[in-house]
N, C-alpha and C. Protein backbone atom coordinates (compact mmCIF):
# COMPACT_ATOMS: atom_id res chain seq x y z
N MET A 1 9.89 -9.61 40.69
CA MET A 1 9.05 -8.42 40.62
C MET A 1 7.90 -8.60 41.59
N SER A 2 7.64 -7.62 42.40
CA SER A 2 6.55 -7.65 43.36
C SER A 2 5.21 -7.73 42.62
N SER A 3 4.26 -8.42 43.21
CA SER A 3 2.95 -8.51 42.57
C SER A 3 2.23 -7.16 42.58
N HIS A 4 2.70 -6.20 43.37
CA HIS A 4 2.07 -4.89 43.44
C HIS A 4 2.71 -3.89 42.49
N ALA A 5 3.93 -4.12 42.06
CA ALA A 5 4.62 -3.19 41.17
C ALA A 5 4.19 -3.46 39.72
N PRO A 6 3.78 -2.41 38.99
CA PRO A 6 3.36 -2.64 37.61
C PRO A 6 4.52 -2.86 36.64
N TYR A 7 5.73 -2.53 37.09
CA TYR A 7 6.91 -2.71 36.23
C TYR A 7 8.16 -2.80 37.09
N SER A 8 9.24 -3.22 36.45
CA SER A 8 10.56 -3.19 37.09
C SER A 8 11.56 -2.68 36.07
N ILE A 9 12.69 -2.21 36.56
CA ILE A 9 13.75 -1.69 35.69
C ILE A 9 14.98 -2.57 35.87
N GLU A 10 15.56 -2.99 34.74
CA GLU A 10 16.74 -3.86 34.76
C GLU A 10 17.85 -3.20 33.94
N TYR A 11 19.09 -3.59 34.23
CA TYR A 11 20.23 -3.11 33.47
C TYR A 11 20.96 -4.29 32.87
N HIS A 12 21.29 -4.16 31.57
CA HIS A 12 21.90 -5.25 30.82
C HIS A 12 23.11 -4.73 30.05
N PRO A 13 24.06 -5.62 29.71
CA PRO A 13 25.16 -5.22 28.83
C PRO A 13 24.63 -4.93 27.42
N ALA A 14 25.38 -4.15 26.67
CA ALA A 14 24.96 -3.72 25.34
C ALA A 14 24.67 -4.89 24.41
N ASP A 15 25.36 -6.00 24.58
CA ASP A 15 25.15 -7.12 23.65
C ASP A 15 23.83 -7.86 23.89
N ALA A 16 23.04 -7.44 24.86
CA ALA A 16 21.74 -8.07 25.12
C ALA A 16 20.61 -7.42 24.31
N LEU A 17 20.92 -6.42 23.49
CA LEU A 17 19.89 -5.65 22.80
C LEU A 17 18.96 -6.52 21.97
N ALA A 18 19.49 -7.40 21.15
CA ALA A 18 18.64 -8.22 20.26
C ALA A 18 17.65 -9.07 21.06
N SER A 19 18.11 -9.70 22.12
CA SER A 19 17.19 -10.55 22.89
C SER A 19 16.16 -9.70 23.64
N LEU A 20 16.55 -8.52 24.11
CA LEU A 20 15.58 -7.65 24.79
C LEU A 20 14.49 -7.18 23.83
N ARG A 21 14.87 -6.91 22.58
CA ARG A 21 13.89 -6.48 21.59
C ARG A 21 12.84 -7.56 21.32
N GLU A 22 13.18 -8.80 21.51
CA GLU A 22 12.25 -9.90 21.24
C GLU A 22 11.47 -10.34 22.47
N ASP A 23 11.80 -9.83 23.63
CA ASP A 23 11.15 -10.22 24.88
C ASP A 23 9.81 -9.50 25.01
N GLU A 24 8.71 -10.23 25.01
CA GLU A 24 7.39 -9.60 25.02
C GLU A 24 7.05 -8.91 26.33
N ASN A 25 7.82 -9.14 27.39
CA ASN A 25 7.58 -8.46 28.66
C ASN A 25 8.40 -7.19 28.83
N ILE A 26 9.29 -6.90 27.89
CA ILE A 26 10.05 -5.64 27.91
C ILE A 26 9.27 -4.62 27.10
N PHE A 27 8.88 -3.52 27.73
CA PHE A 27 8.09 -2.52 27.01
C PHE A 27 8.89 -1.27 26.66
N ALA A 28 10.07 -1.10 27.25
CA ALA A 28 10.89 0.05 26.88
C ALA A 28 12.36 -0.31 27.03
N ILE A 29 13.14 0.13 26.05
CA ILE A 29 14.58 -0.08 26.05
C ILE A 29 15.21 1.30 25.90
N VAL A 30 16.04 1.68 26.87
CA VAL A 30 16.66 3.00 26.86
C VAL A 30 18.17 2.83 26.75
N ARG A 31 18.75 3.47 25.73
CA ARG A 31 20.19 3.40 25.51
C ARG A 31 20.74 4.82 25.39
N SER A 32 22.01 4.99 25.64
CA SER A 32 22.62 6.32 25.52
C SER A 32 23.58 6.33 24.34
N GLY A 33 23.94 7.54 23.93
CA GLY A 33 24.95 7.70 22.90
C GLY A 33 24.44 8.07 21.53
N GLY A 34 23.16 8.24 21.35
CA GLY A 34 22.64 8.59 20.03
C GLY A 34 21.31 9.30 20.14
N ALA A 35 20.65 9.42 19.01
CA ALA A 35 19.36 10.11 19.00
C ALA A 35 18.41 9.42 18.04
N SER A 36 18.29 8.11 18.15
CA SER A 36 17.39 7.38 17.27
C SER A 36 16.33 6.68 18.10
N SER A 37 15.30 6.23 17.42
CA SER A 37 14.28 5.44 18.10
C SER A 37 13.65 4.49 17.09
N THR A 38 13.25 3.34 17.58
CA THR A 38 12.57 2.35 16.75
C THR A 38 11.49 1.71 17.59
N LEU A 39 10.56 1.09 16.93
CA LEU A 39 9.55 0.31 17.63
C LEU A 39 9.84 -1.13 17.29
N SER A 40 10.48 -1.83 18.22
CA SER A 40 10.76 -3.24 18.01
C SER A 40 9.46 -4.00 18.19
N PRO A 41 9.44 -5.31 17.96
CA PRO A 41 8.17 -6.04 18.03
C PRO A 41 7.39 -5.81 19.33
N HIS A 42 8.09 -5.62 20.44
CA HIS A 42 7.39 -5.50 21.71
C HIS A 42 7.69 -4.21 22.47
N ALA A 43 8.79 -3.55 22.18
CA ALA A 43 9.24 -2.44 23.03
C ALA A 43 9.43 -1.14 22.26
N ILE A 44 9.30 -0.05 22.99
CA ILE A 44 9.75 1.24 22.49
C ILE A 44 11.25 1.27 22.76
N ASP A 45 12.03 1.36 21.73
CA ASP A 45 13.48 1.26 21.82
C ASP A 45 14.05 2.61 21.40
N PHE A 46 14.70 3.32 22.32
CA PHE A 46 15.22 4.62 21.94
C PHE A 46 16.57 4.91 22.59
N GLU A 47 17.30 5.76 21.89
CA GLU A 47 18.59 6.24 22.38
C GLU A 47 18.42 7.69 22.80
N ILE A 48 19.06 8.05 23.89
CA ILE A 48 19.10 9.45 24.29
C ILE A 48 20.48 9.98 23.96
N ASP A 49 20.52 11.21 23.53
CA ASP A 49 21.77 11.80 23.06
C ASP A 49 22.61 12.29 24.23
N LEU A 50 23.03 11.33 25.06
CA LEU A 50 23.92 11.58 26.18
C LEU A 50 25.01 10.52 26.15
N PRO A 51 26.23 10.87 26.51
CA PRO A 51 27.29 9.86 26.51
C PRO A 51 27.10 8.85 27.63
N SER A 52 27.55 7.63 27.37
CA SER A 52 27.53 6.60 28.42
C SER A 52 28.62 6.92 29.43
N LEU A 53 28.35 6.65 30.66
CA LEU A 53 29.35 6.80 31.71
C LEU A 53 29.86 5.41 32.03
N GLY A 54 31.04 5.08 31.55
CA GLY A 54 31.57 3.74 31.76
C GLY A 54 31.10 2.79 30.68
N ALA A 55 30.98 1.53 31.03
CA ALA A 55 30.57 0.51 30.07
C ALA A 55 29.14 0.79 29.60
N GLU A 56 28.91 0.58 28.32
CA GLU A 56 27.58 0.82 27.79
C GLU A 56 26.59 -0.19 28.37
N ARG A 57 25.51 0.33 28.93
CA ARG A 57 24.48 -0.50 29.54
C ARG A 57 23.13 -0.17 28.90
N ILE A 58 22.25 -1.11 28.93
CA ILE A 58 20.90 -0.92 28.42
C ILE A 58 19.95 -0.96 29.61
N GLU A 59 19.08 0.01 29.65
CA GLU A 59 18.04 0.04 30.68
C GLU A 59 16.79 -0.58 30.07
N ALA A 60 16.27 -1.61 30.69
CA ALA A 60 15.09 -2.30 30.18
C ALA A 60 13.96 -2.20 31.20
N TRP A 61 12.80 -1.81 30.73
CA TRP A 61 11.62 -1.69 31.58
C TRP A 61 10.75 -2.91 31.30
N ARG A 62 10.44 -3.67 32.35
CA ARG A 62 9.74 -4.95 32.22
C ARG A 62 8.41 -4.90 32.97
N SER A 63 7.42 -5.59 32.40
CA SER A 63 6.13 -5.74 33.06
C SER A 63 5.63 -7.16 32.84
N ASP A 64 4.92 -7.68 33.82
CA ASP A 64 4.29 -8.97 33.62
C ASP A 64 2.82 -8.80 33.24
N LYS A 65 2.40 -7.57 32.99
CA LYS A 65 1.03 -7.26 32.58
C LYS A 65 0.91 -7.32 31.06
N LEU A 66 -0.30 -7.53 30.56
CA LEU A 66 -0.57 -7.47 29.14
C LEU A 66 -0.43 -6.02 28.69
N LEU A 67 0.38 -5.78 27.67
CA LEU A 67 0.63 -4.42 27.19
C LEU A 67 0.07 -4.22 25.81
N LYS A 68 -0.41 -3.01 25.58
CA LYS A 68 -0.92 -2.61 24.27
C LYS A 68 -0.07 -1.46 23.77
N SER A 69 0.06 -1.35 22.46
CA SER A 69 0.80 -0.26 21.84
C SER A 69 -0.16 0.80 21.34
N GLY A 70 0.33 2.02 21.28
CA GLY A 70 -0.49 3.09 20.73
C GLY A 70 0.36 4.27 20.34
N SER A 71 -0.29 5.23 19.72
CA SER A 71 0.40 6.48 19.36
C SER A 71 -0.62 7.61 19.41
N PHE A 72 -0.10 8.80 19.61
CA PHE A 72 -0.92 10.00 19.65
C PHE A 72 -0.04 11.14 19.16
N GLU A 73 -0.40 11.71 18.02
CA GLU A 73 0.42 12.74 17.38
C GLU A 73 1.87 12.25 17.29
N HIS A 74 2.83 12.90 17.96
CA HIS A 74 4.24 12.49 17.90
C HIS A 74 4.63 11.51 19.01
N ILE A 75 3.69 11.08 19.81
CA ILE A 75 3.98 10.22 20.96
C ILE A 75 3.71 8.76 20.59
N ARG A 76 4.65 7.91 20.95
CA ARG A 76 4.43 6.46 20.89
C ARG A 76 4.38 5.96 22.31
N PHE A 77 3.52 4.99 22.59
CA PHE A 77 3.43 4.52 23.96
C PHE A 77 3.06 3.05 24.04
N LYS A 78 3.35 2.48 25.19
CA LYS A 78 2.91 1.14 25.59
C LYS A 78 2.15 1.34 26.90
N HIS A 79 1.09 0.57 27.10
CA HIS A 79 0.35 0.72 28.35
C HIS A 79 -0.31 -0.59 28.76
N SER A 80 -0.55 -0.67 30.05
CA SER A 80 -1.37 -1.74 30.63
C SER A 80 -2.63 -1.08 31.15
N ASP A 81 -3.36 -1.77 31.99
CA ASP A 81 -4.53 -1.14 32.60
C ASP A 81 -4.15 -0.15 33.68
N THR A 82 -2.90 -0.23 34.20
CA THR A 82 -2.52 0.59 35.35
C THR A 82 -1.42 1.62 35.08
N PHE A 83 -0.71 1.53 33.97
CA PHE A 83 0.35 2.50 33.71
C PHE A 83 0.56 2.68 32.21
N ILE A 84 1.23 3.78 31.88
CA ILE A 84 1.56 4.08 30.49
C ILE A 84 3.00 4.56 30.44
N PHE A 85 3.72 4.17 29.39
CA PHE A 85 5.09 4.62 29.16
C PHE A 85 5.10 5.20 27.76
N GLY A 86 5.45 6.47 27.65
CA GLY A 86 5.44 7.13 26.35
C GLY A 86 6.76 7.76 26.00
N PHE A 87 6.90 8.08 24.73
CA PHE A 87 8.13 8.65 24.20
C PHE A 87 7.76 9.66 23.13
N ILE A 88 8.34 10.85 23.24
CA ILE A 88 8.15 11.87 22.21
C ILE A 88 9.51 12.48 21.89
N ARG A 89 9.76 12.68 20.61
CA ARG A 89 10.96 13.39 20.18
C ARG A 89 10.52 14.35 19.08
N LEU A 90 10.78 15.63 19.30
CA LEU A 90 10.42 16.65 18.32
C LEU A 90 11.69 17.23 17.71
N ASP A 91 11.59 17.62 16.45
CA ASP A 91 12.68 18.30 15.77
C ASP A 91 12.57 19.79 16.11
N GLU A 92 13.45 20.23 16.97
CA GLU A 92 13.39 21.61 17.45
C GLU A 92 13.44 22.62 16.31
N SER A 93 14.13 22.28 15.22
CA SER A 93 14.25 23.22 14.11
C SER A 93 12.91 23.45 13.40
N SER A 94 11.90 22.65 13.71
CA SER A 94 10.57 22.84 13.13
C SER A 94 9.77 23.91 13.86
N PHE A 95 10.34 24.47 14.91
CA PHE A 95 9.66 25.46 15.73
C PHE A 95 10.45 26.76 15.75
N GLU A 96 9.78 27.84 16.10
CA GLU A 96 10.43 29.15 16.16
C GLU A 96 11.55 29.16 17.20
N ASN A 97 11.32 28.48 18.33
CA ASN A 97 12.33 28.41 19.38
C ASN A 97 12.00 27.25 20.32
N LEU A 98 12.83 27.05 21.32
CA LEU A 98 12.63 25.95 22.26
C LEU A 98 11.33 26.08 23.04
N ALA A 99 10.91 27.29 23.36
CA ALA A 99 9.66 27.48 24.11
C ALA A 99 8.48 26.92 23.32
N PHE A 100 8.43 27.18 22.02
CA PHE A 100 7.33 26.67 21.20
C PHE A 100 7.40 25.14 21.08
N ALA A 101 8.59 24.58 20.94
CA ALA A 101 8.74 23.12 20.87
C ALA A 101 8.30 22.48 22.19
N THR A 102 8.71 23.08 23.30
CA THR A 102 8.34 22.55 24.62
C THR A 102 6.84 22.63 24.83
N LYS A 103 6.25 23.75 24.48
CA LYS A 103 4.80 23.91 24.62
C LYS A 103 4.07 22.84 23.81
N SER A 104 4.51 22.61 22.59
CA SER A 104 3.89 21.58 21.75
C SER A 104 4.02 20.20 22.38
N ALA A 105 5.21 19.87 22.88
CA ALA A 105 5.43 18.56 23.50
C ALA A 105 4.52 18.37 24.71
N TYR A 106 4.49 19.35 25.58
CA TYR A 106 3.67 19.23 26.79
C TYR A 106 2.18 19.19 26.49
N GLN A 107 1.75 19.93 25.47
CA GLN A 107 0.33 19.87 25.10
C GLN A 107 -0.01 18.48 24.57
N GLN A 108 0.89 17.91 23.76
CA GLN A 108 0.65 16.56 23.23
C GLN A 108 0.62 15.54 24.36
N ILE A 109 1.52 15.67 25.32
CA ILE A 109 1.55 14.75 26.46
C ILE A 109 0.25 14.86 27.26
N HIS A 110 -0.17 16.07 27.55
CA HIS A 110 -1.42 16.28 28.28
C HIS A 110 -2.59 15.66 27.52
N ASP A 111 -2.68 15.93 26.23
CA ASP A 111 -3.79 15.42 25.43
C ASP A 111 -3.75 13.90 25.32
N ALA A 112 -2.56 13.32 25.22
CA ALA A 112 -2.44 11.86 25.15
C ALA A 112 -2.91 11.22 26.46
N LEU A 113 -2.51 11.79 27.58
CA LEU A 113 -2.95 11.26 28.88
C LEU A 113 -4.47 11.37 29.01
N GLU A 114 -5.01 12.49 28.61
CA GLU A 114 -6.46 12.68 28.69
C GLU A 114 -7.19 11.69 27.79
N THR A 115 -6.69 11.50 26.59
CA THR A 115 -7.32 10.59 25.62
C THR A 115 -7.26 9.14 26.09
N THR A 116 -6.13 8.75 26.68
CA THR A 116 -5.97 7.36 27.10
C THR A 116 -6.54 7.09 28.48
N GLY A 117 -6.90 8.14 29.22
CA GLY A 117 -7.52 7.96 30.53
C GLY A 117 -6.55 7.79 31.68
N PHE A 118 -5.28 8.11 31.46
CA PHE A 118 -4.31 8.06 32.56
C PHE A 118 -4.24 9.46 33.19
N PRO A 119 -4.44 9.55 34.51
CA PRO A 119 -4.61 10.85 35.15
C PRO A 119 -3.34 11.66 35.40
N SER A 120 -2.18 11.00 35.46
CA SER A 120 -0.99 11.77 35.86
C SER A 120 0.28 11.07 35.42
N LEU A 121 1.37 11.81 35.57
CA LEU A 121 2.71 11.30 35.26
C LEU A 121 3.42 10.88 36.53
N LEU A 122 4.20 9.83 36.45
CA LEU A 122 5.06 9.42 37.55
C LEU A 122 6.44 10.03 37.37
N ARG A 123 6.95 10.02 36.14
CA ARG A 123 8.31 10.49 35.87
C ARG A 123 8.39 11.03 34.46
N MET A 124 9.20 12.06 34.27
CA MET A 124 9.41 12.62 32.94
C MET A 124 10.86 13.03 32.80
N TRP A 125 11.44 12.73 31.64
CA TRP A 125 12.79 13.18 31.32
C TRP A 125 12.68 14.19 30.20
N ASN A 126 13.36 15.31 30.34
CA ASN A 126 13.43 16.34 29.31
C ASN A 126 14.89 16.48 28.92
N ILE A 127 15.20 16.14 27.70
CA ILE A 127 16.59 16.19 27.26
C ILE A 127 16.68 17.07 26.03
N PHE A 128 17.47 18.12 26.14
CA PHE A 128 17.70 19.00 24.99
C PHE A 128 19.11 19.57 25.11
N PRO A 129 19.74 19.84 23.98
CA PRO A 129 21.14 20.28 24.00
C PRO A 129 21.30 21.74 24.41
N ASP A 130 22.52 22.08 24.80
CA ASP A 130 22.93 23.47 25.06
C ASP A 130 22.00 24.17 26.05
N ILE A 131 21.76 23.54 27.16
CA ILE A 131 20.78 24.01 28.15
C ILE A 131 21.08 25.43 28.65
N ASN A 132 22.35 25.80 28.73
CA ASN A 132 22.70 27.12 29.26
C ASN A 132 23.03 28.15 28.18
N LYS A 133 22.93 27.77 26.94
CA LYS A 133 23.22 28.68 25.83
C LYS A 133 22.12 29.75 25.74
N SER A 134 22.52 30.97 25.40
CA SER A 134 21.54 32.04 25.19
C SER A 134 21.00 31.97 23.77
N GLU A 135 19.72 32.21 23.66
CA GLU A 135 19.05 32.15 22.37
C GLU A 135 17.94 33.18 22.40
N GLN A 136 17.95 34.13 21.49
CA GLN A 136 16.94 35.20 21.46
C GLN A 136 16.87 35.90 22.81
N ASP A 137 18.04 36.24 23.37
CA ASP A 137 18.18 36.95 24.65
C ASP A 137 17.60 36.20 25.84
N LEU A 138 17.52 34.87 25.74
CA LEU A 138 16.99 34.07 26.83
C LEU A 138 17.78 32.76 26.91
N GLU A 139 18.18 32.41 28.12
CA GLU A 139 18.85 31.12 28.31
C GLU A 139 17.90 30.01 27.88
N ARG A 140 18.41 28.98 27.21
CA ARG A 140 17.56 27.91 26.70
C ARG A 140 16.75 27.23 27.82
N TYR A 141 17.35 27.07 28.98
CA TYR A 141 16.58 26.46 30.07
C TYR A 141 15.37 27.31 30.43
N ARG A 142 15.54 28.61 30.45
CA ARG A 142 14.41 29.50 30.75
C ARG A 142 13.35 29.45 29.65
N SER A 143 13.82 29.32 28.41
CA SER A 143 12.89 29.17 27.29
C SER A 143 12.09 27.88 27.43
N PHE A 144 12.76 26.81 27.83
CA PHE A 144 12.09 25.54 28.09
C PHE A 144 11.03 25.72 29.18
N CYS A 145 11.40 26.37 30.28
CA CYS A 145 10.46 26.57 31.39
C CYS A 145 9.26 27.41 30.95
N LEU A 146 9.50 28.42 30.11
CA LEU A 146 8.43 29.25 29.60
C LEU A 146 7.44 28.41 28.79
N GLY A 147 7.95 27.58 27.90
CA GLY A 147 7.08 26.72 27.09
C GLY A 147 6.29 25.74 27.93
N ARG A 148 6.94 25.17 28.93
CA ARG A 148 6.27 24.22 29.84
C ARG A 148 5.15 24.93 30.60
N HIS A 149 5.45 26.13 31.09
CA HIS A 149 4.43 26.91 31.83
C HIS A 149 3.25 27.25 30.93
N GLN A 150 3.51 27.65 29.70
CA GLN A 150 2.43 28.02 28.77
C GLN A 150 1.53 26.83 28.46
N ALA A 151 2.10 25.62 28.46
CA ALA A 151 1.31 24.43 28.14
C ALA A 151 0.46 23.97 29.32
N MET A 152 0.87 24.32 30.52
CA MET A 152 0.16 23.82 31.70
C MET A 152 -0.90 24.76 32.10
């Protein structure tokens, strides 16, 4: 890992999960095939509800920096002095529609960044089912975009 990079990303076989959960330099573990999340002793460990393409692999985010854990509303995060990695999962059925769920998520993300003092995002993944399905006379992707726009 370069001394200038605050983190690196590694890929491991599925049977490495237990050891990755115990590694204090791993701050995030990303797996596919489900929709669960746990906070292991050192890492935010979550599954995204997407099928694996080929052999199941684990994506591990590593840092050699001292990391602290935190939470803000529905967001769990790990951070150093230079970066933050967060995770939010909302139950869409708790909202009137996807636009309201998206607006809530983006407002929480904005507020968490402001509260923790991190000025911006490097990368964001938005994963939700049935992206092209119509709902309340609006394609779900457009509903997502509407909620994102309202939050910004």
